Amino acid sequence: MNDMQRSVGDFEDREWLRLLAGGLTALLILRIIALALNRTDLFFDEAQYWFWSLEPAFGYYSKPPLIAWIIGLSTSVCGVNEFCVRLPSPFLHTATALGVFLVGRQLYDTRTGALAGLVFATLPGVSLSAGIISTDVPLLVFWAVALFAFARMIETRDWWPAILLGLALGAGLNAKYAMAWFVVCVVAYLIATPARRFLAWDFRLYAAFAIGAAMIVPNLLWNLQNKFATFSHTADNAKWGGPLLHPGKALEFFGAQFGVFGPILFGALLVICWRAMRQNLPEADRLLLAFSMPVIAAIFVQAFLSRAHANWAAVAYVAATVLVTATMIRDVAWGWFRASAAIHVAVVIVFLAGMATAGLIKLPSGFAPFSRTLGWQSVADSVKAEVETARAGGDRYAAILSDDRPMTAELLYYMRGATTPIYAWRATAKPRDHFEMVRPFGRAVQGPVLLATLRGDLTEVPGRFAKAEKIGEKTVPAGVNATRRVTFFRLSGYKGE
């Protein structure tokens, strides 16, 4: 390459870097503004993660600890309102987009990396996820970093990519056990790529795995001390105990991927898979295919055998974004690229507007997309009012009792300043959630308790008390098209287990 070609290439690279930086910065600012305007209450998983953050530990009932640590850091600096609990999300997704850029630049060029980073930042699934806080958010960051480190390790004998890979694996495992899919993808890549099987004898790879394993040891020890609660929950979540043929669930999961990744991009990914069966793909394409399709295929099988949530294959779309972007550039498929970008930008706008107007606009056919994240503050206010009414009448509750995880999580968050303690009803010897493990109701609670339940008269809890009096019901709005009915019981004389 002569000096003129090099200078032109450097100039073009700088332009692509400016586009990436400008696009990600604008999107980050928009998402922070959207969080500030967001009218939704915390989803019960978010409220649960916030509660975990109050007691830093190396593990929790259903997840590894990183999500709680991140929320704890954010709320210690920013505050405990919904905005501050969710604030890490848009920053972490921006970091993941930068990781996608690094992967694309490493395997192809700066243009591919920059466009892939922008594509990832606007994926429909990311646009939804950027408005909440979940374990997938930090997981995706470390998956992208690990993929970049692995791709770099192939091309160099340096040790720093292996160390980076190990650190990313360990951090990712502490975010969500789904990071273990990365090792499966490494194996799939080495099996499918004979020219790269020398890595199977590369000590650096095993050193990276050892670093990652060492970083999850504290969580394993926590599980050992807590009867392997997280592993038991993960196994229960797979729901392999019943009939193992659910083609409807498999189709549901498959269809949902068009929404998570985008209809055009997921369609393009399927076309690439079809091509891979008929012709040899470039080396970089094969690597990215190995770090995407095994995960999607495995979760599809899980859905067929039992069930699978749409986000369970989220890590696959780090590599898939780079792969589809690179293929569209190589095939000069700019029409499809622009159409996909237009859809994704429209989705970004819809989500930003939706969060800002949640609960205000009545949609046709009773559709209430935010009903699961609306009305919880009102539920908590109704519980507070019952406590205060009783206190004004000379009756003082010793505790507030909840009989399901969502209700417990939301009450603990939205009644965080209340003096009356909140306990979870534990119906079985084995706890079914974190609250039943660390805040179970028991004989130590002396005096009458207020049961607040969303199950109405179907709740089994009053039957476990000598005296149970239904004292009222209250219906609270959960947006303009949905409501929640809270039923209150005054309970005393706990019979015990």
Protein backbone atom coordinates (compact mmCIF):
# COMPACT_ATOMS: atom_id res chain seq x y z
CA MET A 1 0.00 0.00 0.00
CA ASN A 2 1.52 3.34 -1.05
CA ASP A 3 1.46 6.50 1.07
CA MET A 4 -1.54 7.98 -0.78
CA GLN A 5 -3.63 4.82 -0.34
CA ARG A 6 -2.67 4.66 3.34
CA SER A 7 -3.62 8.28 3.96
CA VAL A 8 -6.98 7.81 2.21
CA GLY A 9 -7.61 4.68 4.28
CA ASP A 10 -6.72 6.48 7.51
CA PHE A 11 -9.04 9.34 6.58
CA GLU A 12 -11.90 6.95 5.89
CA ASP A 13 -11.25 5.17 9.19
CA ARG A 14 -11.42 8.46 11.06
CA GLU A 15 -14.74 9.26 9.41
CA TRP A 16 -16.19 5.89 10.41
CA LEU A 17 -14.94 6.37 13.95
CA ARG A 18 -16.58 9.80 14.10
CA LEU A 19 -19.85 8.29 12.85
CA LEU A 20 -19.67 5.57 15.50
CA ALA A 21 -18.81 7.98 18.30
CA GLY A 22 -21.49 10.47 17.27
CA GLY A 23 -24.18 7.84 16.83
CA LEU A 24 -23.50 6.07 20.13
CA THR A 25 -23.24 9.34 22.04
CA ALA A 26 -26.54 10.64 20.63
CA LEU A 27 -28.25 7.35 21.39
CA LEU A 28 -26.87 7.28 24.93
CA ILE A 29 -28.10 10.80 25.62
CA LEU A 30 -31.56 9.98 24.23
CA ARG A 31 -31.79 6.88 26.38
CA ILE A 32 -30.74 8.71 29.53
CA ILE A 33 -33.39 11.36 28.82
CA ALA A 34 -35.92 8.58 28.24
CA LEU A 35 -35.03 7.03 31.60
CA ALA A 36 -35.58 10.41 33.26
CA LEU A 37 -39.00 10.67 31.60
CA ASN A 38 -39.88 7.00 32.11
CA ARG A 39 -43.26 6.66 33.82
CA THR A 40 -43.07 2.92 34.54
CA ASP A 41 -42.49 1.46 38.00
CA LEU A 42 -39.73 -1.05 38.53
CA PHE A 43 -40.51 -4.50 37.17
CA PHE A 44 -40.46 -7.01 40.02
CA ASP A 45 -37.15 -8.50 38.83
CA GLU A 46 -35.61 -5.03 38.92
CA ALA A 47 -37.00 -4.45 42.41
CA GLN A 48 -35.59 -7.79 43.48
CA TYR A 49 -32.11 -6.92 42.14
CA TRP A 50 -32.28 -3.61 44.01
CA PHE A 51 -33.08 -5.48 47.23
CA TRP A 52 -30.10 -7.75 46.64
CA SER A 53 -27.88 -4.69 46.29
CA LEU A 54 -28.63 -3.73 49.90
CA GLU A 55 -26.68 -6.75 51.13
CA PRO A 56 -23.59 -7.29 48.92
CA ALA A 57 -22.78 -10.99 48.64
CA PHE A 58 -21.12 -13.44 46.27
CA GLY A 59 -24.44 -14.91 45.26
CA TYR A 60 -28.21 -14.69 45.42
CA TYR A 61 -31.03 -17.17 45.07
CA SER A 62 -31.56 -17.01 41.30
CA LYS A 63 -28.54 -15.21 39.84
CA PRO A 64 -24.82 -14.58 40.36
CA PRO A 65 -23.92 -11.33 42.15
CA LEU A 66 -22.75 -8.83 39.51
CA ILE A 67 -26.16 -7.26 38.81
CA ALA A 68 -26.59 -6.43 42.50
CA TRP A 69 -23.11 -4.94 42.72
CA ILE A 70 -23.75 -2.74 39.69
CA ILE A 71 -27.06 -1.47 41.06
CA GLY A 72 -25.48 -0.91 44.46
CA LEU A 73 -22.75 1.22 42.90
CA SER A 74 -25.24 3.23 40.87
CA THR A 75 -27.65 3.88 43.74
CA SER A 76 -24.84 4.77 46.15
CA VAL A 77 -23.82 7.57 43.80
CA CYS A 78 -27.12 8.57 42.21
CA GLY A 79 -29.94 7.66 44.59
CA VAL A 80 -32.55 4.91 44.92
CA ASN A 81 -35.26 6.07 42.52
CA GLU A 82 -36.15 4.11 39.40
CA PHE A 83 -33.93 6.28 37.21
CA CYS A 84 -30.84 5.51 39.27
CA VAL A 85 -31.56 1.78 39.55
CA ARG A 86 -31.78 1.55 35.75
CA LEU A 87 -29.09 4.10 34.87
CA PRO A 88 -26.25 1.57 34.29
CA SER A 89 -28.20 -0.08 31.47
CA PRO A 90 -27.73 2.47 28.64
CA PHE A 91 -24.06 2.91 29.56
CA LEU A 92 -23.43 -0.84 29.53
CA HIS A 93 -25.20 -1.29 26.20
CA THR A 94 -23.03 1.47 24.77
CA ALA A 95 -19.98 -0.40 26.05
CA THR A 96 -21.25 -3.58 24.37
CA ALA A 97 -21.66 -1.70 21.07
CA LEU A 98 -18.03 -0.60 21.36
CA GLY A 99 -17.07 -4.24 21.97
CA VAL A 100 -18.99 -5.22 18.82
CA PHE A 101 -17.04 -2.53 16.95
CA LEU A 102 -13.74 -4.02 18.15
CA VAL A 103 -14.81 -7.48 16.97
CA GLY A 104 -15.84 -6.15 13.56
CA ARG A 105 -12.64 -4.17 13.12
CA GLN A 106 -10.50 -7.12 14.22
CA LEU A 107 -12.15 -9.56 11.81
CA TYR A 108 -12.89 -7.21 8.89
CA ASP A 109 -12.18 -3.47 8.89
CA THR A 110 -13.07 -0.21 10.61
CA ARG A 111 -16.14 0.42 8.43
CA THR A 112 -17.62 -2.99 9.27
CA GLY A 113 -16.86 -2.54 12.95
CA ALA A 114 -18.38 0.93 13.12
CA LEU A 115 -21.57 -0.06 11.28
CA ALA A 116 -21.90 -3.25 13.33
CA GLY A 117 -21.55 -1.25 16.56
CA LEU A 118 -24.33 1.11 15.48
CA VAL A 119 -26.51 -1.78 14.32
CA PHE A 120 -26.14 -3.54 17.66
CA ALA A 121 -26.96 -0.37 19.60
CA THR A 122 -30.26 -0.09 17.73
CA LEU A 123 -31.35 -3.73 17.81
CA PRO A 124 -34.99 -3.98 18.97
CA GLY A 125 -33.99 -6.19 21.88
CA VAL A 126 -31.34 -3.69 22.95
CA SER A 127 -33.77 -0.77 22.68
CA LEU A 128 -36.11 -2.56 25.07
CA SER A 129 -33.30 -3.67 27.38
CA ALA A 130 -31.81 -0.17 27.58
CA GLY A 131 -34.91 0.97 29.46
CA ILE A 132 -34.62 -1.64 32.21
CA ILE A 133 -31.85 -3.25 34.26
CA SER A 134 -31.34 -6.99 33.91
CA THR A 135 -28.60 -9.61 34.07
CA ASP A 136 -28.35 -9.69 30.27
CA VAL A 137 -27.06 -6.11 30.23
CA PRO A 138 -23.63 -6.74 31.82
CA LEU A 139 -23.49 -10.25 30.33
CA LEU A 140 -23.48 -8.85 26.79
CA VAL A 141 -20.62 -6.50 27.59
CA PHE A 142 -18.34 -9.30 28.71
CA TRP A 143 -19.41 -11.61 25.89
CA ALA A 144 -18.37 -8.94 23.36
CA VAL A 145 -15.04 -8.38 25.14
CA ALA A 146 -14.41 -12.13 25.30
CA LEU A 147 -15.17 -12.54 21.59
CA PHE A 148 -12.76 -9.74 20.70
CA ALA A 149 -10.07 -11.26 22.92
CA PHE A 150 -10.56 -14.70 21.38
CA ALA A 151 -10.40 -13.33 17.84
CA ARG A 152 -7.24 -11.42 18.75
CA MET A 153 -5.68 -14.45 20.39
CA ILE A 154 -5.97 -16.37 17.12
CA GLU A 155 -3.83 -13.79 15.34
CA THR A 156 -1.08 -13.24 17.91
CA ARG A 157 1.11 -15.13 20.33
CA ASP A 158 0.81 -12.34 22.92
CA TRP A 159 -0.55 -13.16 26.35
CA TRP A 160 -2.73 -10.10 26.86
CA PRO A 161 -5.67 -11.42 24.76
CA ALA A 162 -5.74 -14.60 26.84
CA ILE A 163 -5.71 -12.64 30.09
CA LEU A 164 -8.48 -10.37 28.76
CA LEU A 165 -10.47 -13.42 27.68
CA GLY A 166 -10.16 -14.96 31.13
CA LEU A 167 -11.23 -11.77 32.89
CA ALA A 168 -14.20 -11.36 30.55
CA LEU A 169 -15.26 -14.99 31.07
CA GLY A 170 -15.08 -14.62 34.84
CA ALA A 171 -16.96 -11.33 34.92
CA GLY A 172 -19.56 -12.69 32.51
CA LEU A 173 -20.14 -15.78 34.65
CA ASN A 174 -20.69 -13.50 37.64
CA ALA A 175 -23.30 -11.66 35.58
CA LYS A 176 -25.16 -14.74 34.35
CA TYR A 177 -24.30 -18.41 33.98
CA ALA A 178 -25.21 -18.15 30.28
CA MET A 179 -21.62 -16.95 29.80
CA ALA A 180 -20.72 -20.66 29.86
CA TRP A 181 -22.11 -20.87 26.32
CA PHE A 182 -18.91 -19.14 25.25
CA VAL A 183 -16.88 -22.26 26.02
CA VAL A 184 -19.37 -24.36 24.04
CA CYS A 185 -18.94 -21.99 21.09
CA VAL A 186 -15.15 -22.25 21.32
CA VAL A 187 -15.43 -26.03 21.10
CA ALA A 188 -17.87 -25.78 18.17
CA TYR A 189 -15.50 -23.43 16.35
CA LEU A 190 -12.48 -25.69 16.82
CA ILE A 191 -14.43 -28.74 15.65
CA ALA A 192 -15.72 -26.93 12.57
CA THR A 193 -12.41 -25.26 11.70
CA PRO A 194 -9.52 -27.72 11.31
CA ALA A 195 -7.06 -24.94 10.52
CA ARG A 196 -7.59 -23.46 13.98
CA ARG A 197 -7.39 -26.64 16.02
CA PHE A 198 -3.88 -25.69 17.12
CA LEU A 199 -5.68 -23.58 19.71
CA ALA A 200 -6.77 -26.79 21.42
CA TRP A 201 -3.09 -27.24 22.37
CA ASP A 202 -2.49 -23.59 23.20
CA PHE A 203 -1.75 -23.17 26.91
CA ARG A 204 -3.06 -19.60 26.76
CA LEU A 205 -6.59 -20.86 26.08
CA TYR A 206 -6.60 -23.03 29.17
CA ALA A 207 -5.04 -20.26 31.21
CA ALA A 208 -7.96 -18.03 30.14
CA PHE A 209 -10.45 -20.72 31.15
CA ALA A 210 -8.65 -21.07 34.49
CA ILE A 211 -8.86 -17.32 35.16
CA GLY A 212 -12.59 -17.36 34.38
CA ALA A 213 -13.14 -20.40 36.60
CA ALA A 214 -11.21 -18.83 39.46
CA MET A 215 -13.38 -15.71 39.31
CA ILE A 216 -16.60 -17.71 39.76
CA VAL A 217 -15.25 -19.72 42.72
CA PRO A 218 -16.61 -17.27 45.36
CA ASN A 219 -20.07 -17.71 43.88
CA LEU A 220 -19.67 -21.49 43.90
CA LEU A 221 -18.70 -21.36 47.56
CA TRP A 222 -21.76 -19.20 48.29
CA ASN A 223 -23.90 -21.82 46.56
CA LEU A 224 -22.26 -24.55 48.59
CA GLN A 225 -23.17 -22.68 51.79
CA ASN A 226 -26.75 -22.12 50.56
CA LYS A 227 -27.62 -25.61 49.32
CA PHE A 228 -26.80 -24.71 45.70
CA ALA A 229 -29.80 -22.39 45.53
CA THR A 230 -28.84 -20.73 42.23
CA PHE A 231 -28.12 -24.01 40.47
CA SER A 232 -31.41 -25.48 41.71
CA HIS A 233 -33.29 -22.43 40.48
CA THR A 234 -31.57 -22.61 37.08
CA ALA A 235 -32.51 -26.28 36.74
CA ASP A 236 -36.10 -25.56 37.82
CA ASN A 237 -36.25 -22.73 35.28
CA ALA A 238 -35.60 -25.17 32.46
CA LYS A 239 -38.79 -27.04 33.49
CA TRP A 240 -37.82 -30.48 32.19
CA GLY A 241 -40.08 -32.24 34.67
CA GLY A 242 -43.18 -32.48 32.48
CA PRO A 243 -43.92 -33.60 28.91
CA LEU A 244 -40.89 -32.98 26.65
CA LEU A 245 -42.56 -32.10 23.37
CA HIS A 246 -43.67 -28.48 22.91
CA PRO A 247 -43.50 -27.54 19.21
CA GLY A 248 -45.66 -24.50 19.89
CA LYS A 249 -43.13 -23.16 22.38
CA ALA A 250 -40.32 -23.77 19.89
CA LEU A 251 -42.17 -21.82 17.19
CA GLU A 252 -42.92 -19.07 19.67
CA PHE A 253 -39.24 -18.75 20.56
CA PHE A 254 -38.21 -18.86 16.89
CA GLY A 255 -40.71 -16.16 15.95
CA ALA A 256 -39.63 -13.98 18.86
CA GLN A 257 -36.10 -13.85 17.47
CA PHE A 258 -37.35 -11.79 14.53
CA GLY A 259 -38.38 -9.23 17.14
CA VAL A 260 -35.23 -9.45 19.26
CA PHE A 261 -32.72 -9.21 16.39
CA GLY A 262 -34.94 -7.43 13.88
CA PRO A 263 -36.95 -9.04 11.05
CA ILE A 264 -34.48 -8.29 8.26
CA LEU A 265 -31.36 -9.13 10.26
CA PHE A 266 -32.71 -12.44 11.54
CA GLY A 267 -33.88 -13.34 8.06
CA ALA A 268 -30.40 -12.50 6.75
CA LEU A 269 -28.84 -14.67 9.45
CA LEU A 270 -30.96 -17.61 8.32
CA VAL A 271 -29.85 -17.03 4.72
CA ILE A 272 -26.21 -17.05 5.85
CA CYS A 273 -26.78 -20.36 7.65
CA TRP A 274 -28.27 -21.80 4.46
CA ARG A 275 -25.25 -20.60 2.49
CA ALA A 276 -22.93 -22.17 5.05
CA MET A 277 -24.43 -25.57 4.28
CA ARG A 278 -23.83 -25.14 0.54
CA GLN A 279 -20.49 -23.33 0.30
CA ASN A 280 -17.38 -22.45 2.24
CA LEU A 281 -17.69 -19.19 4.12
CA PRO A 282 -14.76 -16.84 4.77
CA GLU A 283 -12.76 -17.62 7.91
CA ALA A 284 -14.14 -14.66 9.86
CA ASP A 285 -17.71 -15.60 8.93
CA ARG A 286 -17.22 -19.14 10.20
CA LEU A 287 -15.94 -17.86 13.53
CA LEU A 288 -18.92 -15.58 13.99
CA LEU A 289 -21.34 -18.31 12.95
CA ALA A 290 -19.80 -20.59 15.59
CA PHE A 291 -20.44 -17.96 18.27
CA SER A 292 -24.07 -17.39 17.35
CA MET A 293 -25.92 -20.35 15.85
CA PRO A 294 -25.00 -23.01 18.46
CA VAL A 295 -26.62 -20.85 21.14
CA ILE A 296 -29.76 -20.19 19.09
CA ALA A 297 -30.03 -23.85 18.14
CA ALA A 298 -29.56 -25.04 21.73
CA ILE A 299 -32.20 -22.65 23.10
CA PHE A 300 -34.55 -23.64 20.27
CA VAL A 301 -34.20 -27.27 21.41
CA GLN A 302 -34.79 -26.17 25.01
CA ALA A 303 -37.98 -24.40 23.88
CA PHE A 304 -39.10 -27.54 22.05
CA LEU A 305 -38.46 -29.69 25.12
CA SER A 306 -40.02 -27.28 27.60
CA ARG A 307 -39.96 -23.50 27.12
CA ALA A 308 -37.55 -20.62 26.52
CA HIS A 309 -37.80 -16.88 26.94
CA ALA A 310 -37.02 -14.73 23.92
CA ASN A 311 -33.89 -13.26 25.55
CA TRP A 312 -32.24 -16.58 26.41
CA ALA A 313 -30.25 -16.49 23.17
CA ALA A 314 -29.27 -12.84 23.52
CA VAL A 315 -25.52 -13.51 23.58
CA ALA A 316 -25.73 -14.97 20.06
CA TYR A 317 -26.50 -11.58 18.59
CA VAL A 318 -23.14 -10.06 19.44
CA ALA A 319 -21.42 -12.22 16.81
CA ALA A 320 -24.52 -12.34 14.59
CA THR A 321 -24.61 -8.54 14.32
CA VAL A 322 -21.06 -8.41 13.00
CA LEU A 323 -21.67 -11.37 10.68
CA VAL A 324 -24.83 -9.97 9.09
CA THR A 325 -23.35 -6.48 8.78
CA ALA A 326 -20.19 -7.79 7.12
CA THR A 327 -22.22 -9.96 4.74
CA MET A 328 -24.47 -7.08 3.70
CA ILE A 329 -21.42 -4.91 3.03
CA ARG A 330 -19.74 -7.66 1.00
CA ASP A 331 -22.94 -8.36 -0.97
CA VAL A 332 -23.55 -4.62 -1.47
CA ALA A 333 -27.01 -5.13 0.02
CA TRP A 334 -27.39 -1.49 1.02
CA GLY A 335 -31.11 -1.47 0.30
CA TRP A 336 -31.71 -4.18 2.87
CA PHE A 337 -29.30 -2.50 5.26
CA ARG A 338 -31.11 0.84 5.04
CA ALA A 339 -34.51 -0.82 5.40
CA SER A 340 -33.32 -2.64 8.53
CA ALA A 341 -31.84 0.56 9.93
CA ALA A 342 -35.13 2.39 9.34
CA ILE A 343 -37.07 -0.30 11.20
CA HIS A 344 -34.65 -0.22 14.12
CA VAL A 345 -34.66 3.57 14.37
CA ALA A 346 -38.47 3.48 14.37
CA VAL A 347 -38.37 0.93 17.20
CA VAL A 348 -35.99 3.18 19.16
CA ILE A 349 -38.43 6.07 18.80
CA VAL A 350 -41.43 3.89 19.75
CA PHE A 351 -39.74 2.66 22.91
CA LEU A 352 -38.57 6.15 23.90
CA ALA A 353 -42.06 7.57 23.37
CA GLY A 354 -43.72 4.55 24.97
CA MET A 355 -41.78 4.84 28.22
CA ALA A 356 -42.46 8.58 28.43
CA THR A 357 -46.21 8.10 27.94
CA ALA A 358 -46.67 4.75 29.70
CA GLY A 359 -50.07 4.56 31.36
CA LEU A 360 -51.36 7.73 29.74
CA ILE A 361 -52.62 6.62 26.33
CA LYS A 362 -55.48 4.17 25.93
CA LEU A 363 -54.68 1.70 23.19
CA PRO A 364 -57.28 -0.19 21.12
CA SER A 365 -58.50 -3.67 22.06
CA GLY A 366 -57.44 -3.19 25.66
CA PHE A 367 -53.76 -3.65 24.80
CA ALA A 368 -51.63 -2.60 27.79
CA PRO A 369 -47.92 -3.16 26.96
CA PHE A 370 -46.62 -1.65 30.20
CA SER A 371 -49.16 -3.13 32.61
CA ARG A 372 -46.56 -5.38 34.26
CA THR A 373 -44.52 -2.31 35.22
CA LEU A 374 -47.32 0.03 36.21
CA GLY A 375 -49.39 0.34 39.36
CA TRP A 376 -46.87 -1.04 41.86
CA GLN A 377 -46.41 2.31 43.58
CA SER A 378 -50.19 2.47 43.95
CA VAL A 379 -50.26 -1.05 45.35
CA ALA A 380 -47.66 -0.08 47.94
CA ASP A 381 -49.59 3.10 48.76
CA SER A 382 -52.74 1.04 49.38
CA VAL A 383 -50.81 -1.21 51.77
CA LYS A 384 -49.41 1.82 53.59
CA ALA A 385 -52.94 3.22 53.91
CA GLU A 386 -54.18 -0.02 55.53
CA VAL A 387 -51.31 0.08 58.03
CA GLU A 388 -51.98 3.71 58.88
CA THR A 389 -55.73 3.16 59.20
CA ALA A 390 -55.18 0.35 61.66
CA ARG A 391 -52.67 2.41 63.62
CA ALA A 392 -55.10 5.31 63.82
CA GLY A 393 -57.69 2.93 65.25
CA GLY A 394 -55.32 1.69 67.93
CA ASP A 395 -54.30 -1.50 66.14
CA ARG A 396 -50.65 -2.02 65.20
CA TYR A 397 -49.51 -4.69 62.80
CA ALA A 398 -46.36 -6.58 63.73
CA ALA A 399 -45.57 -7.24 60.06
CA ILE A 400 -46.79 -7.11 56.48
CA LEU A 401 -47.03 -10.49 54.76
CA SER A 402 -46.84 -11.18 51.02
CA ASP A 403 -47.60 -14.50 49.35
CA ASP A 404 -45.73 -14.18 46.04
CA ARG A 405 -42.35 -12.95 44.79
CA PRO A 406 -43.50 -10.03 42.60
CA MET A 407 -45.59 -8.56 45.42
CA THR A 408 -42.78 -9.01 47.97
CA ALA A 409 -40.19 -7.39 45.70
CA GLU A 410 -42.38 -4.41 44.88
CA LEU A 411 -43.43 -3.80 48.49
CA LEU A 412 -39.83 -3.94 49.70
CA TYR A 413 -38.86 -1.31 47.13
CA TYR A 414 -41.84 1.02 47.27
CA MET A 415 -42.21 0.75 51.07
CA ARG A 416 -38.48 1.00 51.72
CA GLY A 417 -38.94 3.76 54.30
CA ALA A 418 -41.70 1.99 56.25
CA THR A 419 -41.11 0.86 59.83
CA THR A 420 -43.35 -2.21 59.61
CA PRO A 421 -41.25 -5.18 58.42
CA ILE A 422 -42.22 -7.10 55.29
CA TYR A 423 -42.00 -10.89 55.15
CA ALA A 424 -42.49 -13.53 52.46
CA TRP A 425 -44.86 -16.44 52.92
CA ARG A 426 -43.02 -19.74 52.58
CA ALA A 427 -45.40 -22.58 51.76
CA THR A 428 -42.80 -25.30 51.25
CA ALA A 429 -39.73 -26.51 53.12
CA LYS A 430 -37.55 -25.52 50.17
CA PRO A 431 -37.52 -21.78 49.44
CA ARG A 432 -38.82 -20.87 45.98
CA ASP A 433 -37.24 -17.42 45.76
CA HIS A 434 -34.71 -15.17 47.49
CA PHE A 435 -37.26 -13.60 49.80
CA GLU A 436 -38.45 -16.97 51.06
CA MET A 437 -34.80 -17.80 51.73
CA VAL A 438 -33.79 -14.64 53.61
CA ARG A 439 -37.11 -13.12 54.83
CA PRO A 440 -39.47 -16.03 55.57
CA PHE A 441 -42.42 -15.46 57.87
CA GLY A 442 -42.24 -17.54 61.04
CA ARG A 443 -43.16 -17.87 64.68
CA ALA A 444 -40.71 -15.15 65.65
CA VAL A 445 -43.22 -12.57 64.45
CA GLN A 446 -45.45 -11.76 67.41
CA GLY A 447 -48.79 -10.03 66.99
CA PRO A 448 -51.31 -9.57 64.18
CA VAL A 449 -50.04 -9.33 60.62
CA LEU A 450 -51.47 -7.72 57.51
CA LEU A 451 -51.61 -10.02 54.50
CA ALA A 452 -51.62 -8.11 51.21
CA THR A 453 -52.27 -10.44 48.27
CA LEU A 454 -53.09 -10.25 44.58
CA ARG A 455 -54.62 -13.75 44.72
CA GLY A 456 -57.83 -12.69 46.39
CA ASP A 457 -59.77 -15.41 48.20
CA LEU A 458 -57.69 -18.08 46.46
CA THR A 459 -54.73 -17.47 48.73
CA GLU A 460 -53.97 -20.35 51.08
CA VAL A 461 -52.34 -18.21 53.76
CA PRO A 462 -55.38 -17.35 55.97
CA GLY A 463 -56.01 -21.03 56.57
CA ARG A 464 -52.70 -21.30 58.42
CA PHE A 465 -53.83 -18.87 61.12
CA ALA A 466 -56.22 -19.37 64.01
CA LYS A 467 -57.98 -16.13 63.20
CA ALA A 468 -58.27 -14.65 59.72
CA GLU A 469 -60.43 -11.65 58.88
CA LYS A 470 -60.83 -10.26 55.40
CA ILE A 471 -60.77 -6.52 55.93
CA GLY A 472 -61.11 -5.19 52.41
CA GLU A 473 -60.09 -5.00 48.79
CA LYS A 474 -58.77 -2.19 46.68
CA THR A 475 -58.46 -1.93 42.91
CA VAL A 476 -55.56 0.19 41.69
CA PRO A 477 -54.83 1.25 38.10
CA ALA A 478 -51.93 -0.29 36.19
CA GLY A 479 -52.16 2.12 33.29
CA VAL A 480 -55.35 3.10 31.52
CA ASN A 481 -56.27 -0.40 30.32
CA ALA A 482 -55.35 -2.58 33.30
CA THR A 483 -55.86 -2.80 37.06
CA ARG A 484 -54.64 -4.76 40.06
CA ARG A 485 -56.87 -5.86 42.92
CA VAL A 486 -55.24 -6.04 46.32
CA THR A 487 -57.00 -8.05 49.01
CA PHE A 488 -56.23 -7.48 52.70
CA PHE A 489 -56.52 -9.92 55.59
CA ARG A 490 -55.86 -9.40 59.28
CA LEU A 491 -54.21 -12.56 60.57
CA SER A 492 -53.32 -13.72 64.05
CA GLY A 493 -52.51 -16.97 65.82
CA TYR A 494 -50.05 -18.53 63.38
CA LYS A 495 -50.41 -22.34 63.50
CA GLY A 496 -46.91 -23.03 62.29
CA GLU A 497 -45.66 -25.41 59.67
